[in-house]
Amino acid sequence: METTGPLPPPPPAPPAPSSPAAAPARPYVTLGRPETSGIPEGRPRRPHPLGERIRPRAAAAAACLVLGAGLLGGAVTGSWLTGGGADEDGARTAYSAAGDLWHSLPVDRLFPPTVDGEGAGPGGSDRTWTRIAVAPDTGCRDAFDPLLRKALAPVGCLRLLRATYTDATRSHVTTVGLLFTRADATAMAALRTRVEAQGLDRRPDLMPRPYAAKDTVAADFGDAQRASWTLSVLTDAPVVVYAVSGFADGRTVTAPQPAAKATASGATSAPAQAGLGHEAKGLADRVERRLRTAVASATEKPS
């Protein structure tokens, strides 16, 4: 590109270097000897720049930091994904402990010789039940009406514990049972939903059967003598709690009634008038409480 103006003047010449004698004196500094160990003989030896020596250490520290953060983040993420945490671990431990009680707990802890039922009778009256027989722990084949056995089949039958009680007057007999299932909490929740939604715990063709022990006041306590019953599917333990009551004299009951109806205010059926709904519900409730107490003791951490 051409220009018509005058060119700029050349830059001034740099000043002439001064003589060495005129230069100010500088301090004399010596560096440490370079690290030469490990270098083959004959190879040029030179000091490593400071950055090269620090950089690997910094990289290793950064890698450890990233790895630690990744492990911590992975643990937290895993907890979120699985829903795990202290609360869930505690619930899982309690659920497992409940499922193991059938073989680790003395029978008297679940079915004590005497059960006090304060306020368990009609009108809030007190009841006392005395155990007259304990059934061997067995399977569930003969313990339920066929349709009830079919309804309970999805959760499986691990063990069945039963005991029969009589009241203070020895005029009533009640069998109370604990069915320990093979199911997890999800399956138990599904069964409970189905039972409640379809009213399977209130149908007279789906009743638990009594345990009629020979040579006791319950010797004649058979299917035809069942008057009232209750059944509860637990979701915090793999257990179904139930009870069924009847008259000790062996009389036949033509219209059995679930305890929920027989204990309702104004109920006039024979089971309701005799208080047999209260017998079944009162005993089942107290045995369930004892089960929960045993689970709490089994999962209690030592101080």
Protein backbone atom coordinates (compact mmCIF):
# COMPACT_ATOMS: atom_id res chain seq x y z
CA MET A 1 0.00 0.00 0.00
CA GLU A 2 1.44 3.37 -0.99
CA THR A 3 1.39 6.54 1.06
CA THR A 4 1.90 10.10 -0.02
CA GLY A 5 2.87 11.57 3.36
CA PRO A 6 6.36 11.68 4.80
CA LEU A 7 7.56 8.51 6.51
CA PRO A 8 7.87 8.58 10.31
CA PRO A 9 11.35 9.16 11.60
CA PRO A 10 13.32 6.03 12.57
CA PRO A 11 13.31 5.11 16.26
CA PRO A 12 16.18 6.50 18.27
CA ALA A 13 19.18 4.24 18.60
CA PRO A 14 19.47 2.38 21.92
CA PRO A 15 22.00 3.74 24.33
CA ALA A 16 25.40 2.23 24.21
CA PRO A 17 25.94 -0.49 26.84
CA SER A 18 27.88 0.63 29.79
CA SER A 19 31.08 -1.02 30.65
CA PRO A 20 31.15 -3.94 33.10
CA ALA A 21 32.98 -1.85 35.55
CA ALA A 22 30.08 0.62 35.70
CA ALA A 23 27.35 -2.06 36.36
CA PRO A 24 26.09 -2.24 39.95
CA ALA A 25 27.07 -5.30 41.93
CA ARG A 26 24.46 -8.16 42.14
CA PRO A 27 24.16 -10.64 45.02
CA TYR A 28 25.68 -14.04 44.42
CA VAL A 29 23.03 -16.80 44.71
CA THR A 30 23.64 -20.56 44.55
CA LEU A 31 20.92 -23.16 43.92
CA GLY A 32 20.84 -26.63 45.42
CA ARG A 33 22.37 -29.42 43.46
CA PRO A 34 19.92 -30.97 41.03
CA GLU A 35 18.47 -34.37 41.89
CA THR A 36 20.38 -36.88 39.76
CA SER A 37 19.64 -40.23 41.38
CA GLY A 38 18.18 -42.78 39.00
CA ILE A 39 19.50 -41.09 35.82
CA PRO A 40 21.62 -43.47 33.67
CA GLU A 41 25.29 -42.71 33.38
CA GLY A 42 26.14 -40.60 30.36
CA ARG A 43 22.71 -39.06 30.10
CA PRO A 44 22.60 -35.28 30.44
CA ARG A 45 21.72 -34.38 33.97
CA ARG A 46 19.51 -31.37 34.51
CA PRO A 47 17.37 -30.18 37.31
CA HIS A 48 13.61 -30.86 37.13
CA PRO A 49 11.54 -27.76 36.87
CA LEU A 50 9.60 -27.04 40.07
CA GLY A 51 6.24 -27.34 38.28
CA GLU A 52 7.04 -30.84 37.05
CA ARG A 53 7.79 -32.07 40.58
CA ILE A 54 4.65 -30.60 42.17
CA ARG A 55 2.23 -31.40 39.36
CA PRO A 56 2.09 -35.23 39.93
CA ARG A 57 1.46 -34.74 43.66
CA ALA A 58 -1.29 -32.24 42.97
CA ALA A 59 -2.83 -34.58 40.42
CA ALA A 60 -2.79 -37.48 42.90
CA ALA A 61 -4.40 -35.34 45.59
CA ALA A 62 -7.07 -34.19 43.15
CA ALA A 63 -7.74 -37.79 42.11
CA CYS A 64 -8.20 -38.83 45.76
CA LEU A 65 -10.56 -35.93 46.31
CA VAL A 66 -12.60 -36.81 43.24
CA LEU A 67 -12.67 -40.50 44.20
CA GLY A 68 -13.81 -39.73 47.76
CA ALA A 69 -16.50 -37.38 46.51
CA GLY A 70 -17.62 -39.99 44.02
CA LEU A 71 -17.90 -42.68 46.68
CA LEU A 72 -19.82 -40.38 48.98
CA GLY A 73 -22.07 -39.23 46.17
CA GLY A 74 -22.61 -42.83 45.08
CA ALA A 75 -23.62 -43.84 48.59
CA VAL A 76 -26.08 -40.98 48.83
CA THR A 77 -27.44 -41.65 45.35
CA GLY A 78 -27.80 -45.34 46.17
CA SER A 79 -29.70 -44.41 49.29
CA TRP A 80 -32.04 -42.23 47.23
CA LEU A 81 -32.54 -44.86 44.56
CA THR A 82 -33.26 -47.70 46.98
CA GLY A 83 -35.08 -45.61 49.54
CA GLY A 84 -32.54 -46.84 52.07
CA GLY A 85 -31.81 -45.01 55.24
CA ALA A 86 -31.83 -45.42 58.98
CA ASP A 87 -35.61 -45.51 59.16
CA GLU A 88 -35.97 -48.12 56.44
CA ASP A 89 -33.16 -50.24 57.86
CA GLY A 90 -34.89 -50.15 61.23
CA ALA A 91 -38.21 -51.14 59.70
CA ARG A 92 -36.57 -53.96 57.76
CA THR A 93 -34.87 -55.21 60.92
CA ALA A 94 -38.14 -55.16 62.88
CA TYR A 95 -39.96 -56.96 60.06
CA SER A 96 -37.31 -59.67 59.91
CA ALA A 97 -37.25 -60.01 63.69
CA ALA A 98 -41.02 -60.50 63.76
CA GLY A 99 -40.79 -63.25 61.18
CA ASP A 100 -38.26 -65.15 63.31
CA LEU A 101 -40.17 -65.06 66.59
CA TRP A 102 -42.07 -68.29 65.98
CA HIS A 103 -38.97 -70.39 66.69
CA SER A 104 -37.09 -68.14 69.11
CA LEU A 105 -39.75 -67.07 71.60
CA PRO A 106 -41.16 -69.21 74.45
CA VAL A 107 -44.84 -69.95 73.98
CA ASP A 108 -45.72 -68.21 77.25
CA ARG A 109 -44.49 -64.90 75.80
CA LEU A 110 -47.05 -65.01 73.00
CA PHE A 111 -49.77 -67.10 74.65
CA PRO A 112 -49.44 -66.59 78.41
CA PRO A 113 -51.30 -68.90 80.81
CA THR A 114 -53.55 -66.00 81.81
CA VAL A 115 -54.53 -62.93 79.80
CA ASP A 116 -56.12 -59.92 81.43
CA GLY A 117 -58.64 -58.07 79.33
CA GLU A 118 -59.28 -54.83 81.14
CA GLY A 119 -62.28 -53.15 79.51
CA ALA A 120 -62.46 -55.85 76.82
CA GLY A 121 -65.98 -57.07 77.58
CA PRO A 122 -69.39 -55.63 76.64
CA GLY A 123 -69.91 -52.16 78.04
CA GLY A 124 -66.23 -51.88 78.95
CA SER A 125 -66.36 -54.71 81.47
CA ASP A 126 -63.19 -56.58 82.34
CA ARG A 127 -62.33 -60.03 81.10
CA THR A 128 -59.84 -62.69 82.15
CA TRP A 129 -58.94 -65.63 79.94
CA THR A 130 -57.18 -68.82 80.96
CA ARG A 131 -55.21 -70.90 78.51
CA ILE A 132 -56.41 -74.51 78.33
CA ALA A 133 -54.42 -75.83 75.38
CA VAL A 134 -51.59 -74.98 73.00
CA ALA A 135 -51.61 -76.59 69.57
CA PRO A 136 -48.40 -77.97 68.07
CA ASP A 137 -46.92 -75.53 65.56
CA THR A 138 -48.11 -76.86 62.23
CA GLY A 139 -48.90 -75.90 58.70
CA CYS A 140 -52.14 -74.19 57.70
CA ARG A 141 -53.93 -76.92 55.78
CA ASP A 142 -56.66 -77.60 58.36
CA ALA A 143 -56.68 -74.27 60.17
CA PHE A 144 -58.91 -72.28 57.81
CA ASP A 145 -62.01 -72.73 55.72
CA PRO A 146 -61.04 -73.64 52.14
CA LEU A 147 -61.84 -70.21 50.68
CA LEU A 148 -59.92 -68.42 53.42
CA ARG A 149 -56.96 -70.74 52.89
CA LYS A 150 -57.05 -69.87 49.20
CA ALA A 151 -57.19 -66.13 49.97
CA LEU A 152 -54.15 -66.41 52.25
CA ALA A 153 -52.18 -68.58 49.83
CA PRO A 154 -50.31 -65.68 48.11
CA VAL A 155 -48.37 -64.90 51.31
CA GLY A 156 -47.57 -68.54 52.08
CA CYS A 157 -47.62 -70.37 55.38
CA LEU A 158 -44.35 -70.64 57.29
CA ARG A 159 -45.71 -71.61 60.71
CA LEU A 160 -49.02 -71.50 62.55
CA LEU A 161 -49.17 -71.04 66.32
CA ARG A 162 -52.48 -71.50 68.13
CA ALA A 163 -53.83 -71.63 71.65
CA THR A 164 -57.33 -72.03 73.05
CA TYR A 165 -58.60 -70.07 76.06
CA THR A 166 -61.71 -70.04 78.20
CA ASP A 167 -63.27 -67.18 80.11
CA ALA A 168 -63.60 -66.93 83.89
CA THR A 169 -67.05 -68.58 83.81
CA ARG A 170 -65.80 -71.40 81.55
CA SER A 171 -68.84 -70.86 79.35
CA HIS A 172 -66.96 -69.46 76.36
CA VAL A 173 -63.96 -70.82 74.43
CA THR A 174 -61.75 -68.92 72.03
CA THR A 175 -58.91 -70.05 69.77
CA VAL A 176 -56.36 -67.36 68.94
CA GLY A 177 -53.74 -67.86 66.24
CA LEU A 178 -50.64 -66.32 64.69
CA LEU A 179 -49.97 -67.26 61.08
CA PHE A 180 -46.34 -66.51 60.21
CA THR A 181 -46.12 -66.04 56.46
CA ARG A 182 -43.29 -66.21 53.92
CA ALA A 183 -44.17 -62.83 52.39
CA ASP A 184 -42.36 -59.51 52.28
CA ALA A 185 -43.96 -56.25 53.38
CA THR A 186 -45.23 -55.45 49.89
CA ALA A 187 -47.10 -58.74 49.61
CA MET A 188 -48.56 -58.33 53.09
CA ALA A 189 -49.77 -54.83 52.22
CA ALA A 190 -51.39 -56.17 49.04
CA LEU A 191 -53.16 -58.92 50.99
CA ARG A 192 -54.42 -56.48 53.59
CA THR A 193 -55.78 -54.18 50.88
CA ARG A 194 -57.58 -57.07 49.24
CA VAL A 195 -59.03 -58.39 52.51
CA GLU A 196 -60.37 -54.98 53.48
CA ALA A 197 -61.62 -54.04 50.02
CA GLN A 198 -63.46 -57.34 49.45
CA GLY A 199 -64.58 -57.83 53.04
CA LEU A 200 -62.89 -61.22 53.25
CA ASP A 201 -62.60 -60.88 57.04
CA ARG A 202 -66.38 -60.61 57.41
CA ARG A 203 -67.64 -63.48 55.28
CA PRO A 204 -68.94 -66.54 57.22
CA ASP A 205 -67.61 -68.84 54.48
CA LEU A 206 -64.06 -67.60 55.15
CA MET A 207 -63.53 -68.27 58.85
CA PRO A 208 -60.58 -69.58 60.82
CA ARG A 209 -61.14 -72.93 62.48
CA PRO A 210 -60.91 -73.58 66.23
CA TYR A 211 -58.45 -75.81 68.00
CA ALA A 212 -60.55 -78.32 69.96
CA ALA A 213 -58.29 -79.85 72.60
CA LYS A 214 -59.35 -83.19 74.03
CA ASP A 215 -60.21 -83.49 77.71
CA THR A 216 -60.82 -79.75 78.04
CA VAL A 217 -63.90 -77.54 77.99
CA ALA A 218 -63.05 -76.92 74.32
CA ALA A 219 -63.31 -80.60 73.36
CA ASP A 220 -66.56 -79.98 71.46
CA PHE A 221 -65.45 -76.69 69.89
CA GLY A 222 -65.80 -77.53 66.20
CA ASP A 223 -66.68 -75.68 63.01
CA ALA A 224 -70.42 -75.73 63.74
CA GLN A 225 -69.82 -74.10 67.14
CA ARG A 226 -68.08 -71.03 65.77
CA ALA A 227 -69.99 -67.90 66.77
CA SER A 228 -67.71 -64.92 66.11
CA TRP A 229 -64.28 -64.27 64.68
CA THR A 230 -61.76 -61.59 63.74
CA LEU A 231 -58.80 -61.58 61.36
CA SER A 232 -56.11 -58.94 60.91
CA VAL A 233 -53.32 -58.84 58.30
CA LEU A 234 -50.30 -56.97 59.67
CA THR A 235 -48.10 -54.94 57.33
CA ASP A 236 -45.20 -54.26 59.71
CA ALA A 237 -44.72 -57.98 60.36
CA PRO A 238 -45.23 -61.10 58.23
CA VAL A 239 -48.08 -62.22 60.48
CA VAL A 240 -51.84 -62.72 60.29
CA VAL A 241 -53.56 -62.52 63.69
CA TYR A 242 -56.95 -64.11 64.21
CA ALA A 243 -59.33 -65.45 66.83
CA VAL A 244 -62.57 -67.43 66.73
CA SER A 245 -64.97 -67.92 69.65
CA GLY A 246 -67.92 -70.12 70.58
CA PHE A 247 -69.87 -71.65 73.45
CA ALA A 248 -68.16 -74.17 75.68
CA ASP A 249 -71.22 -76.42 75.87
CA GLY A 250 -70.91 -77.40 72.21
CA ARG A 251 -74.10 -75.75 71.00
CA THR A 252 -74.41 -75.12 67.28
CA VAL A 253 -74.46 -71.55 66.01
CA THR A 254 -76.48 -71.09 62.82
CA ALA A 255 -75.64 -67.44 62.21
CA PRO A 256 -72.04 -66.62 63.17
CA GLN A 257 -71.17 -62.93 63.11
CA PRO A 258 -67.81 -61.19 62.64
CA ALA A 259 -66.52 -59.49 65.76
CA ALA A 260 -66.68 -56.06 64.13
CA LYS A 261 -70.47 -56.43 63.89
CA ALA A 262 -71.00 -58.40 67.08
CA THR A 263 -69.30 -55.67 69.13
CA ALA A 264 -71.15 -52.79 67.46
CA SER A 265 -73.50 -50.73 69.57
CA GLY A 266 -77.07 -52.09 69.44
CA ALA A 267 -76.12 -55.50 67.98
CA THR A 268 -78.77 -58.08 68.93
CA SER A 269 -77.50 -61.34 67.43
CA ALA A 270 -76.85 -64.33 69.66
CA PRO A 271 -73.05 -63.94 69.43
CA ALA A 272 -73.39 -60.23 70.24
CA GLN A 273 -75.71 -60.80 73.21
CA ALA A 274 -73.38 -63.45 74.60
CA GLY A 275 -70.35 -61.19 74.21
CA LEU A 276 -68.56 -63.65 71.93
CA GLY A 277 -67.50 -60.87 69.57
CA HIS A 278 -65.75 -59.22 72.49
CA GLU A 279 -64.11 -62.54 73.38
CA ALA A 280 -62.59 -62.94 69.91
CA LYS A 281 -61.57 -59.30 69.48
CA GLY A 282 -60.24 -58.90 73.02
CA LEU A 283 -57.96 -61.93 72.87
CA ALA A 284 -56.71 -61.19 69.35
CA ASP A 285 -55.87 -57.61 70.27
CA ARG A 286 -53.89 -58.62 73.34
CA VAL A 287 -51.95 -61.36 71.61
CA GLU A 288 -51.09 -58.90 68.85
CA ARG A 289 -49.81 -56.44 71.47
CA ARG A 290 -47.61 -59.14 72.96
CA LEU A 291 -46.22 -59.87 69.51
CA ARG A 292 -45.35 -56.21 68.97
CA THR A 293 -43.74 -56.01 72.42
CA ALA A 294 -41.61 -59.06 71.60
CA VAL A 295 -40.54 -57.49 68.29
CA ALA A 296 -39.58 -54.26 70.06
CA SER A 297 -37.49 -56.23 72.58
CA ALA A 298 -35.79 -58.23 69.82
CA THR A 299 -34.74 -55.10 67.93
CA GLU A 300 -33.78 -53.00 70.94
CA LYS A 301 -30.14 -51.95 70.78
CA PRO A 302 -28.12 -52.36 74.00
CA SER A 303 -27.20 -49.08 75.63
